[in-house]
Amino acid sequence: MRKNILFGAMLSVVMLTACGGQTKQGTSETATEPTIKSETVHTVTTAEVKDKTFDELFCSITENEIPESLFKLIGQDYTVITSGSATDFNSMTASWGGWGIMFNKPVTWCMLRANRFTLEKMREQKTYTMCYFDDNFKDQVMLFGTKSGRDSDKMKEMTLTPVSTVHGVPAYKEAKLIIECRLTEVTTVSPDDFEDASSKQFVVDGYNEAKAYHKLVFGEVTGIWRRR
């Protein structure tokens, strides 16, 4: 009985402090803006957010306060990975990856083809964001996966609104969730690493296209922001 009471108290504290008045991971500043009163985050349009600042749109949360399923966010909503500077950045769509703990720190991981232009930016800058969007932005999310920024103007074709996080890493104002990462490891996969025949073939096919094997990319989570 005592354990149940303690657990309930701890859960209440987490729900009350999310996005309001507590110092969150990824920033040393104390938030003073209005709190989110519900776990349900409303859908927005570009017109609603384009003139607002990062702080007006987002509040900092911890990894334990992410309200949605990891499998839905990555497998259905897809990840938009962005890296570069405020004036020179590139984005790509990813539907593989995950989050977890490595060396006692929260991390993300994704599996990218070696010739991805965004991966090149990630290795140059050592930082990147992973953004997740509502369904009404699906066309824009998919646009990032249909062309390479290396040899096209896809970044000029997009209608999403760029914004920099408090640490200066590019992201988007329309995102419902932003995870900022510091690049920690890039590992090359090998067909010999895979026991499943279809997985092995996927890696071989990727090599035939890029003339290099896929990269497993790990990043330490340095900030998480949720739409207000």
C-alpha atoms as a PDB file:
ATOM      1  CA  MET A   1       0.000   0.000   0.000  1.00  0.00           C
ATOM      2  CA  ARG A   2       2.792   2.393   0.897  1.00  0.00           C
ATOM      3  CA  LYS A   3       4.547   1.663  -2.404  1.00  0.00           C
ATOM      4  CA  ASN A   4       1.375   2.434  -4.351  1.00  0.00           C
ATOM      5  CA  ILE A   5       0.987   5.780  -2.574  1.00  0.00           C
ATOM      6  CA  LEU A   6       4.638   6.678  -3.239  1.00  0.00           C
ATOM      7  CA  PHE A   7       4.364   5.723  -6.912  1.00  0.00           C
ATOM      8  CA  GLY A   8       1.222   7.805  -7.312  1.00  0.00           C
ATOM      9  CA  ALA A   9       2.909  10.816  -5.767  1.00  0.00           C
ATOM     10  CA  MET A  10       5.928  10.482  -8.040  1.00  0.00           C
ATOM     11  CA  LEU A  11       3.714  10.159 -11.131  1.00  0.00           C
ATOM     12  CA  SER A  12       1.759  13.269 -10.143  1.00  0.00           C
ATOM     13  CA  VAL A  13       4.983  15.267  -9.816  1.00  0.00           C
ATOM     14  CA  VAL A  14       6.141  14.171 -13.291  1.00  0.00           C
ATOM     15  CA  MET A  15       2.823  15.127 -14.887  1.00  0.00           C
ATOM     16  CA  LEU A  16       2.662  18.482 -13.139  1.00  0.00           C
ATOM     17  CA  THR A  17       6.226  19.522 -13.890  1.00  0.00           C
ATOM     18  CA  ALA A  18       6.374  18.509 -17.572  1.00  0.00           C
ATOM     19  CA  CYS A  19       7.056  21.677 -19.614  1.00  0.00           C
ATOM     20  CA  GLY A  20       6.527  23.986 -16.671  1.00  0.00           C
ATOM     21  CA  GLY A  21       8.929  25.560 -14.220  1.00  0.00           C
ATOM     22  CA  GLN A  22      11.576  22.849 -13.946  1.00  0.00           C
ATOM     23  CA  THR A  23      15.076  22.620 -15.334  1.00  0.00           C
ATOM     24  CA  LYS A  24      14.981  19.966 -18.074  1.00  0.00           C
ATOM     25  CA  GLN A  25      17.604  17.964 -19.872  1.00  0.00           C
ATOM     26  CA  GLY A  26      19.388  19.840 -22.623  1.00  0.00           C
ATOM     27  CA  THR A  27      19.379  23.312 -21.029  1.00  0.00           C
ATOM     28  CA  SER A  28      20.594  24.881 -17.816  1.00  0.00           C
ATOM     29  CA  GLU A  29      17.853  27.531 -17.926  1.00  0.00           C
ATOM     30  CA  THR A  30      14.720  27.338 -15.797  1.00  0.00           C
ATOM     31  CA  ALA A  31      11.498  27.479 -17.801  1.00  0.00           C
ATOM     32  CA  THR A  32       9.045  30.134 -16.675  1.00  0.00           C
ATOM     33  CA  GLU A  33       6.578  30.045 -19.570  1.00  0.00           C
ATOM     34  CA  PRO A  34       3.011  28.672 -19.255  1.00  0.00           C
ATOM     35  CA  THR A  35       2.691  24.933 -18.802  1.00  0.00           C
ATOM     36  CA  ILE A  36       1.004  22.406 -21.041  1.00  0.00           C
ATOM     37  CA  LYS A  37      -2.177  21.381 -19.244  1.00  0.00           C
ATOM     38  CA  SER A  38      -2.842  18.184 -21.180  1.00  0.00           C
ATOM     39  CA  GLU A  39      -0.929  15.257 -22.641  1.00  0.00           C
ATOM     40  CA  THR A  40      -2.788  15.874 -25.920  1.00  0.00           C
ATOM     41  CA  VAL A  41      -0.851  18.241 -28.189  1.00  0.00           C
ATOM     42  CA  HIS A  42      -2.969  20.059 -30.767  1.00  0.00           C
ATOM     43  CA  THR A  43      -2.230  19.927 -34.478  1.00  0.00           C
ATOM     44  CA  VAL A  44      -0.763  23.124 -35.940  1.00  0.00           C
ATOM     45  CA  THR A  45      -0.308  24.690 -39.356  1.00  0.00           C
ATOM     46  CA  THR A  46       2.664  26.561 -40.775  1.00  0.00           C
ATOM     47  CA  ALA A  47       0.709  29.811 -40.613  1.00  0.00           C
ATOM     48  CA  GLU A  48       0.306  29.390 -36.845  1.00  0.00           C
ATOM     49  CA  VAL A  49       3.978  28.846 -36.090  1.00  0.00           C
ATOM     50  CA  LYS A  50       6.027  30.691 -38.696  1.00  0.00           C
ATOM     51  CA  ASP A  51       6.285  33.972 -36.751  1.00  0.00           C
ATOM     52  CA  LYS A  52       6.855  32.441 -33.324  1.00  0.00           C
ATOM     53  CA  THR A  53      10.200  31.904 -31.590  1.00  0.00           C
ATOM     54  CA  PHE A  54      11.595  28.549 -30.528  1.00  0.00           C
ATOM     55  CA  ASP A  55      10.833  29.271 -26.865  1.00  0.00           C
ATOM     56  CA  GLU A  56       7.265  30.249 -27.687  1.00  0.00           C
ATOM     57  CA  LEU A  57       6.702  26.969 -29.522  1.00  0.00           C
ATOM     58  CA  PHE A  58       8.555  24.388 -27.450  1.00  0.00           C
ATOM     59  CA  CYS A  59       9.271  23.408 -23.869  1.00  0.00           C
ATOM     60  CA  SER A  60      12.051  21.170 -22.634  1.00  0.00           C
ATOM     61  CA  ILE A  61      11.199  17.703 -21.314  1.00  0.00           C
ATOM     62  CA  THR A  62      13.152  14.619 -20.245  1.00  0.00           C
ATOM     63  CA  GLU A  63      13.298  11.322 -22.087  1.00  0.00           C
ATOM     64  CA  ASN A  64      10.879   9.861 -19.538  1.00  0.00           C
ATOM     65  CA  GLU A  65       8.232  12.444 -20.440  1.00  0.00           C
ATOM     66  CA  ILE A  66       7.942  11.682 -24.168  1.00  0.00           C
ATOM     67  CA  PRO A  67       4.189  11.053 -24.511  1.00  0.00           C
ATOM     68  CA  GLU A  68       4.052   8.901 -27.650  1.00  0.00           C
ATOM     69  CA  SER A  69       5.076   5.376 -28.594  1.00  0.00           C
ATOM     70  CA  LEU A  70       8.591   5.016 -29.969  1.00  0.00           C
ATOM     71  CA  PHE A  71       7.320   2.487 -32.499  1.00  0.00           C
ATOM     72  CA  LYS A  72       4.671   4.917 -33.775  1.00  0.00           C
ATOM     73  CA  LEU A  73       6.988   7.917 -33.925  1.00  0.00           C
ATOM     74  CA  ILE A  74       9.686   6.129 -35.893  1.00  0.00           C
ATOM     75  CA  GLY A  75       7.770   3.438 -37.758  1.00  0.00           C
ATOM     76  CA  GLN A  76       4.660   5.444 -38.733  1.00  0.00           C
ATOM     77  CA  ASP A  77       5.329   9.158 -38.294  1.00  0.00           C
ATOM     78  CA  TYR A  78       8.943   8.803 -39.487  1.00  0.00           C
ATOM     79  CA  THR A  79      11.995  10.744 -38.371  1.00  0.00           C
ATOM     80  CA  VAL A  80      13.299  13.844 -40.128  1.00  0.00           C
ATOM     81  CA  ILE A  81      17.026  14.002 -39.410  1.00  0.00           C
ATOM     82  CA  THR A  82      18.579  17.446 -39.903  1.00  0.00           C
ATOM     83  CA  SER A  83      22.159  18.613 -39.597  1.00  0.00           C
ATOM     84  CA  GLY A  84      24.216  21.625 -40.605  1.00  0.00           C
ATOM     85  CA  SER A  85      24.309  25.305 -39.733  1.00  0.00           C
ATOM     86  CA  ALA A  86      21.444  27.794 -39.597  1.00  0.00           C
ATOM     87  CA  THR A  87      22.154  28.832 -43.189  1.00  0.00           C
ATOM     88  CA  ASP A  88      23.425  25.564 -44.658  1.00  0.00           C
ATOM     89  CA  PHE A  89      21.647  22.411 -43.531  1.00  0.00           C
ATOM     90  CA  ASN A  90      20.118  19.268 -44.977  1.00  0.00           C
ATOM     91  CA  SER A  91      17.300  16.956 -43.930  1.00  0.00           C
ATOM     92  CA  MET A  92      16.432  13.355 -44.695  1.00  0.00           C
ATOM     93  CA  THR A  93      13.579  10.986 -43.830  1.00  0.00           C
ATOM     94  CA  ALA A  94      14.289   7.855 -41.787  1.00  0.00           C
ATOM     95  CA  SER A  95      11.959   5.078 -40.666  1.00  0.00           C
ATOM     96  CA  TRP A  96      14.512   2.856 -38.930  1.00  0.00           C
ATOM     97  CA  GLY A  97      16.163   3.468 -35.598  1.00  0.00           C
ATOM     98  CA  GLY A  98      15.534   3.664 -31.910  1.00  0.00           C
ATOM     99  CA  TRP A  99      16.338   5.164 -28.526  1.00  0.00           C
ATOM    100  CA  GLY A 100      17.911   3.673 -25.438  1.00  0.00           C
ATOM    101  CA  ILE A 101      20.699   3.853 -22.897  1.00  0.00           C
ATOM    102  CA  MET A 102      24.407   3.481 -23.678  1.00  0.00           C
ATOM    103  CA  PHE A 103      27.242   4.192 -21.244  1.00  0.00           C
ATOM    104  CA  ASN A 104      24.586   5.351 -18.755  1.00  0.00           C
ATOM    105  CA  LYS A 105      23.376   8.092 -21.102  1.00  0.00           C
ATOM    106  CA  PRO A 106      20.227   8.421 -23.231  1.00  0.00           C
ATOM    107  CA  VAL A 107      21.061   7.853 -26.895  1.00  0.00           C
ATOM    108  CA  THR A 108      19.432   7.486 -30.279  1.00  0.00           C
ATOM    109  CA  TRP A 109      20.556   5.241 -33.094  1.00  0.00           C
ATOM    110  CA  CYS A 110      19.721   5.005 -36.777  1.00  0.00           C
ATOM    111  CA  MET A 111      20.911   3.008 -39.780  1.00  0.00           C
ATOM    112  CA  LEU A 112      21.812   5.197 -42.765  1.00  0.00           C
ATOM    113  CA  ARG A 113      23.188   4.539 -46.194  1.00  0.00           C
ATOM    114  CA  ALA A 114      26.801   5.620 -46.430  1.00  0.00           C
ATOM    115  CA  ASN A 115      26.149   8.090 -49.273  1.00  0.00           C
ATOM    116  CA  ARG A 116      23.515  10.166 -47.454  1.00  0.00           C
ATOM    117  CA  PHE A 117      24.266  13.884 -47.703  1.00  0.00           C
ATOM    118  CA  THR A 118      22.738  14.444 -44.258  1.00  0.00           C
ATOM    119  CA  LEU A 119      25.153  11.890 -42.812  1.00  0.00           C
ATOM    120  CA  GLU A 120      27.995  13.945 -44.275  1.00  0.00           C
ATOM    121  CA  LYS A 121      26.639  17.013 -42.486  1.00  0.00           C
ATOM    122  CA  MET A 122      26.282  15.032 -39.252  1.00  0.00           C
ATOM    123  CA  ARG A 123      29.933  14.002 -39.379  1.00  0.00           C
ATOM    124  CA  GLU A 124      31.006  17.575 -40.089  1.00  0.00           C
ATOM    125  CA  GLN A 125      28.924  19.274 -37.404  1.00  0.00           C
ATOM    126  CA  LYS A 126      28.853  16.463 -34.797  1.00  0.00           C
ATOM    127  CA  THR A 127      25.275  17.533 -33.960  1.00  0.00           C
ATOM    128  CA  TYR A 128      21.825  16.899 -35.432  1.00  0.00           C
ATOM    129  CA  THR A 129      18.117  16.863 -34.617  1.00  0.00           C
ATOM    130  CA  MET A 130      15.447  14.218 -35.065  1.00  0.00           C
ATOM    131  CA  CYS A 131      12.024  15.823 -35.633  1.00  0.00           C
ATOM    132  CA  TYR A 132       8.573  14.238 -35.608  1.00  0.00           C
ATOM    133  CA  PHE A 133       5.461  15.760 -37.192  1.00  0.00           C
ATOM    134  CA  ASP A 134       1.676  15.490 -37.268  1.00  0.00           C
ATOM    135  CA  ASP A 135       0.043  13.682 -40.204  1.00  0.00           C
ATOM    136  CA  ASN A 136      -0.839  16.932 -41.989  1.00  0.00           C
ATOM    137  CA  PHE A 137       2.892  17.403 -42.704  1.00  0.00           C
ATOM    138  CA  LYS A 138       3.389  13.901 -44.130  1.00  0.00           C
ATOM    139  CA  ASP A 139       3.959  15.148 -47.694  1.00  0.00           C
ATOM    140  CA  GLN A 140       6.791  17.389 -46.510  1.00  0.00           C
ATOM    141  CA  VAL A 141       8.268  14.600 -44.411  1.00  0.00           C
ATOM    142  CA  MET A 142       8.280  12.261 -47.410  1.00  0.00           C
ATOM    143  CA  LEU A 143       9.797  14.943 -49.661  1.00  0.00           C
ATOM    144  CA  PHE A 144      13.001  14.764 -47.630  1.00  0.00           C
ATOM    145  CA  GLY A 145      13.270  11.082 -48.560  1.00  0.00           C
ATOM    146  CA  THR A 146      12.697  11.342 -52.305  1.00  0.00           C
ATOM    147  CA  LYS A 147      15.696  13.457 -53.308  1.00  0.00           C
ATOM    148  CA  SER A 148      19.273  14.013 -52.243  1.00  0.00           C
ATOM    149  CA  GLY A 149      20.259  17.483 -51.079  1.00  0.00           C
ATOM    150  CA  ARG A 150      23.657  16.901 -52.628  1.00  0.00           C
ATOM    151  CA  ASP A 151      22.393  17.211 -56.186  1.00  0.00           C
ATOM    152  CA  SER A 152      18.941  18.848 -55.904  1.00  0.00           C
ATOM    153  CA  ASP A 153      17.201  21.908 -54.461  1.00  0.00           C
ATOM    154  CA  LYS A 154      14.900  19.919 -52.188  1.00  0.00           C
ATOM    155  CA  MET A 155      15.663  22.197 -49.229  1.00  0.00           C
ATOM    156  CA  LYS A 156      14.358  25.155 -51.259  1.00  0.00           C
ATOM    157  CA  GLU A 157      11.264  23.196 -52.289  1.00  0.00           C
ATOM    158  CA  MET A 158      10.146  22.427 -48.746  1.00  0.00           C
ATOM    159  CA  THR A 159       7.547  24.605 -47.020  1.00  0.00           C
ATOM    160  CA  LEU A 160       8.439  23.798 -43.412  1.00  0.00           C
ATOM    161  CA  THR A 161       9.880  26.621 -41.301  1.00  0.00           C
ATOM    162  CA  PRO A 162      13.488  26.193 -40.126  1.00  0.00           C
ATOM    163  CA  VAL A 163      14.423  27.141 -36.581  1.00  0.00           C
ATOM    164  CA  SER A 164      17.500  26.685 -34.393  1.00  0.00           C
ATOM    165  CA  THR A 165      17.330  25.009 -30.998  1.00  0.00           C
ATOM    166  CA  VAL A 166      18.722  26.766 -27.927  1.00  0.00           C
ATOM    167  CA  HIS A 167      22.024  25.059 -28.786  1.00  0.00           C
ATOM    168  CA  GLY A 168      22.001  26.314 -32.381  1.00  0.00           C
ATOM    169  CA  VAL A 169      21.126  23.047 -34.116  1.00  0.00           C
ATOM    170  CA  PRO A 170      18.650  23.288 -37.026  1.00  0.00           C
ATOM    171  CA  ALA A 171      15.136  21.879 -36.627  1.00  0.00           C
ATOM    172  CA  TYR A 172      11.583  22.851 -37.688  1.00  0.00           C
ATOM    173  CA  LYS A 173       8.880  24.971 -36.082  1.00  0.00           C
ATOM    174  CA  GLU A 174       6.114  22.609 -37.226  1.00  0.00           C
ATOM    175  CA  ALA A 175       7.571  19.630 -35.324  1.00  0.00           C
ATOM    176  CA  LYS A 176       5.593  18.149 -32.440  1.00  0.00           C
ATOM    177  CA  LEU A 177       8.756  16.662 -30.923  1.00  0.00           C
ATOM    178  CA  ILE A 178      12.448  17.497 -31.381  1.00  0.00           C
ATOM    179  CA  ILE A 179      15.287  15.326 -30.130  1.00  0.00           C
ATOM    180  CA  GLU A 180      18.729  16.931 -30.325  1.00  0.00           C
ATOM    181  CA  CYS A 181      21.820  14.734 -30.418  1.00  0.00           C
ATOM    182  CA  ARG A 182      25.583  14.947 -30.276  1.00  0.00           C
ATOM    183  CA  LEU A 183      27.231  12.442 -32.610  1.00  0.00           C
ATOM    184  CA  THR A 184      29.099   9.814 -30.601  1.00  0.00           C
ATOM    185  CA  GLU A 185      29.745   6.860 -32.908  1.00  0.00           C
ATOM    186  CA  VAL A 186      29.474   5.824 -36.559  1.00  0.00           C
ATOM    187  CA  THR A 187      29.942   2.103 -37.148  1.00  0.00           C
ATOM    188  CA  THR A 188      30.027   0.294 -40.492  1.00  0.00           C
ATOM    189  CA  VAL A 189      27.859  -2.818 -40.779  1.00  0.00           C
ATOM    190  CA  SER A 190      28.864  -5.987 -42.605  1.00  0.00           C
ATOM    191  CA  PRO A 191      26.711  -8.712 -44.200  1.00  0.00           C
ATOM    192  CA  ASP A 192      28.449 -11.145 -41.838  1.00  0.00           C
ATOM    193  CA  ASP A 193      26.846  -9.316 -38.891  1.00  0.00           C
ATOM    194  CA  PHE A 194      23.357 -10.467 -39.909  1.00  0.00           C
ATOM    195  CA  GLU A 195      21.893 -13.921 -39.342  1.00  0.00           C
ATOM    196  CA  ASP A 196      18.646 -13.259 -41.195  1.00  0.00           C
ATOM    197  CA  ALA A 197      18.914 -13.776 -44.969  1.00  0.00           C
ATOM    198  CA  SER A 198      16.648 -10.854 -45.918  1.00  0.00           C
ATOM    199  CA  SER A 199      18.572  -8.457 -43.657  1.00  0.00           C
ATOM    200  CA  LYS A 200      21.851  -9.634 -45.115  1.00  0.00           C
ATOM    201  CA  GLN A 201      20.520  -9.076 -48.636  1.00  0.00           C
ATOM    202  CA  PHE A 202      19.300  -5.581 -47.725  1.00  0.00           C
ATOM    203  CA  VAL A 203      22.800  -4.615 -46.637  1.00  0.00           C
ATOM    204  CA  VAL A 204      24.300  -6.101 -49.807  1.00  0.00           C
ATOM    205  CA  ASP A 205      21.825  -4.175 -51.970  1.00  0.00           C
ATOM    206  CA  GLY A 206      22.707  -0.988 -50.112  1.00  0.00           C
ATOM    207  CA  TYR A 207      26.376  -1.594 -50.820  1.00  0.00           C
ATOM    208  CA  ASN A 208      25.667  -2.111 -54.530  1.00  0.00           C
ATOM    209  CA  GLU A 209      23.984   1.307 -54.665  1.00  0.00           C
ATOM    210  CA  ALA A 210      26.367   3.356 -52.528  1.00  0.00           C
ATOM    211  CA  LYS A 211      29.564   1.317 -52.979  1.00  0.00           C
ATOM    212  CA  ALA A 212      29.823   1.291 -49.208  1.00  0.00           C
ATOM    213  CA  TYR A 213      27.992  -0.476 -46.405  1.00  0.00           C
ATOM    214  CA  HIS A 214      25.313   1.122 -44.226  1.00  0.00           C
ATOM    215  CA  LYS A 215      26.355   3.089 -41.155  1.00  0.00           C
ATOM    216  CA  LEU A 216      24.970   2.608 -37.665  1.00  0.00           C
ATOM    217  CA  VAL A 217      24.875   6.104 -36.181  1.00  0.00           C
ATOM    218  CA  PHE A 218      24.688   6.712 -32.427  1.00  0.00           C
ATOM    219  CA  GLY A 219      24.112  10.073 -30.776  1.00  0.00           C
ATOM    220  CA  GLU A 220      23.904  11.200 -27.168  1.00  0.00           C
ATOM    221  CA  VAL A 221      20.638  13.017 -26.456  1.00  0.00           C
ATOM    222  CA  THR A 222      21.451  16.607 -25.463  1.00  0.00           C
ATOM    223  CA  GLY A 223      17.945  18.079 -25.541  1.00  0.00           C
ATOM    224  CA  ILE A 224      14.311  17.089 -25.997  1.00  0.00           C
ATOM    225  CA  TRP A 225      11.599  19.608 -26.815  1.00  0.00           C
ATOM    226  CA  ARG A 226       7.868  19.112 -27.034  1.00  0.00           C
ATOM    227  CA  ARG A 227       5.381  21.462 -28.662  1.00  0.00           C
ATOM    228  CA  ARG A 228       3.540  23.621 -26.136  1.00  0.00           C
END
